[in-house]
């Protein structure tokens, strides 16, 4: 968890105002929670970072499905659900995939 956070801080320091990654977090009971994280600063707010979007999607089921052989359909379904969630959040904010730099 700490390594991913350090990587995010370095990316922000290098003025990379959009990034996404899969990270491993832990719940209060200590179980693993795999998360797809997206962070982006909205266009026009790069100087002050006063408008940002942070999206977290729990991908634990997808990760577990991929680790167990014979369940590729569940993994594909989880991938599609995640893509839909990201697409919906981007559409509702007016954020365009072409507008972001990586």
Protein backbone atom coordinates (compact mmCIF):
# COMPACT_ATOMS: atom_id res chain seq x y z
CA UNK A 1 0.00 0.00 0.00
CA UNK A 2 2.77 2.41 0.93
CA UNK A 3 4.66 1.81 -2.32
CA UNK A 4 1.62 2.71 -4.44
CA UNK A 5 1.04 5.86 -2.42
CA UNK A 6 4.68 6.90 -2.90
CA UNK A 7 4.37 6.29 -6.65
CA UNK A 8 1.27 8.49 -6.77
CA UNK A 9 3.02 11.31 -4.94
CA UNK A 10 5.98 11.11 -7.33
CA UNK A 11 3.64 11.24 -10.33
CA UNK A 12 1.88 14.29 -8.92
CA UNK A 13 5.23 15.95 -8.23
CA UNK A 14 6.14 15.31 -11.89
CA UNK A 15 2.90 17.08 -12.89
CA UNK A 16 1.19 13.91 -14.11
CA UNK A 17 -2.33 14.96 -13.23
CA UNK A 18 -4.04 11.78 -14.40
CA UNK A 19 -3.08 8.33 -13.28
CA UNK A 20 -4.67 4.98 -12.68
CA UNK A 21 -3.45 1.77 -11.13
CA UNK A 22 -4.51 -1.35 -9.34
CA UNK A 23 -3.62 -1.28 -5.66
CA UNK A 24 -3.96 -3.64 -2.74
CA UNK A 25 -5.66 -2.30 0.37
CA UNK A 26 -6.86 -4.04 3.50
CA UNK A 27 -10.26 -3.95 5.16
CA UNK A 28 -10.72 -3.35 8.87
CA UNK A 29 -10.78 -7.09 9.48
CA UNK A 30 -7.44 -7.50 7.66
CA UNK A 31 -8.74 -9.13 4.48
CA UNK A 32 -7.29 -8.04 1.13
CA UNK A 33 -9.24 -5.60 -1.01
CA UNK A 34 -7.99 -5.10 -4.57
CA UNK A 35 -8.90 -1.65 -5.88
CA UNK A 36 -8.67 0.06 -9.27
CA UNK A 37 -7.79 3.69 -8.49
CA UNK A 38 -8.11 6.64 -10.85
CA UNK A 39 -7.01 10.16 -9.99
CA UNK A 40 -7.42 13.14 -12.28
CA UNK A 41 -7.30 16.91 -12.02
CA UNK A 42 -9.97 18.55 -14.15
CA UNK A 43 -8.94 20.73 -17.08
CA UNK A 44 -8.64 24.36 -16.08
CA UNK A 45 -7.83 23.46 -12.48
CA UNK A 46 -4.26 22.26 -12.93
CA UNK A 47 -2.69 25.23 -11.16
CA UNK A 48 -4.67 24.95 -7.90
CA UNK A 49 -5.97 21.35 -7.93
CA UNK A 50 -9.26 22.67 -6.60
CA UNK A 51 -11.33 20.20 -8.65
CA UNK A 52 -10.22 16.58 -8.79
CA UNK A 53 -11.88 13.24 -9.39
CA UNK A 54 -10.83 10.19 -7.41
CA UNK A 55 -12.56 6.97 -8.42
CA UNK A 56 -12.14 3.68 -6.59
CA UNK A 57 -13.58 0.41 -7.86
CA UNK A 58 -13.40 -2.80 -5.85
CA UNK A 59 -11.92 -5.42 -8.18
CA UNK A 60 -11.38 -8.12 -5.56
CA UNK A 61 -13.87 -10.51 -7.19
CA UNK A 62 -12.16 -10.13 -10.56
CA UNK A 63 -8.74 -10.80 -9.05
CA UNK A 64 -10.01 -13.89 -7.25
CA UNK A 65 -11.78 -15.12 -10.39
CA UNK A 66 -8.60 -14.84 -12.40
CA UNK A 67 -6.60 -16.73 -9.80
CA UNK A 68 -9.02 -19.68 -9.92
CA UNK A 69 -8.87 -21.62 -13.17
CA UNK A 70 -12.11 -22.25 -15.02
CA UNK A 71 -13.83 -18.94 -14.21
CA UNK A 72 -12.82 -16.64 -17.10
CA UNK A 73 -16.41 -15.58 -17.79
CA UNK A 74 -16.78 -14.08 -14.30
CA UNK A 75 -13.51 -12.19 -14.78
CA UNK A 76 -14.73 -10.78 -18.10
CA UNK A 77 -18.01 -9.73 -16.49
CA UNK A 78 -16.13 -7.98 -13.68
CA UNK A 79 -13.91 -6.20 -16.24
CA UNK A 80 -16.98 -5.01 -18.15
CA UNK A 81 -18.63 -3.76 -14.96
CA UNK A 82 -15.50 -1.82 -14.03
CA UNK A 83 -15.22 -0.29 -17.51
CA UNK A 84 -18.89 0.74 -17.31
CA UNK A 85 -18.35 2.36 -13.91
CA UNK A 86 -15.35 4.35 -15.13
CA UNK A 87 -17.19 5.32 -18.32
CA UNK A 88 -20.22 6.51 -16.35
CA UNK A 89 -18.11 8.57 -13.95
CA UNK A 90 -16.24 10.16 -16.85
CA UNK A 91 -19.45 10.94 -18.75
CA UNK A 92 -21.18 12.45 -15.73
CA UNK A 93 -18.26 14.82 -15.16
CA UNK A 94 -17.73 15.70 -18.82
CA UNK A 95 -14.18 14.34 -18.65
CA UNK A 96 -12.89 13.05 -21.97
CA UNK A 97 -10.33 10.31 -22.43
CA UNK A 98 -8.76 12.39 -25.17
CA UNK A 99 -8.39 15.39 -22.86
CA UNK A 100 -6.19 13.66 -20.36
CA UNK A 101 -2.47 13.19 -20.66
CA UNK A 102 -0.64 10.24 -19.28
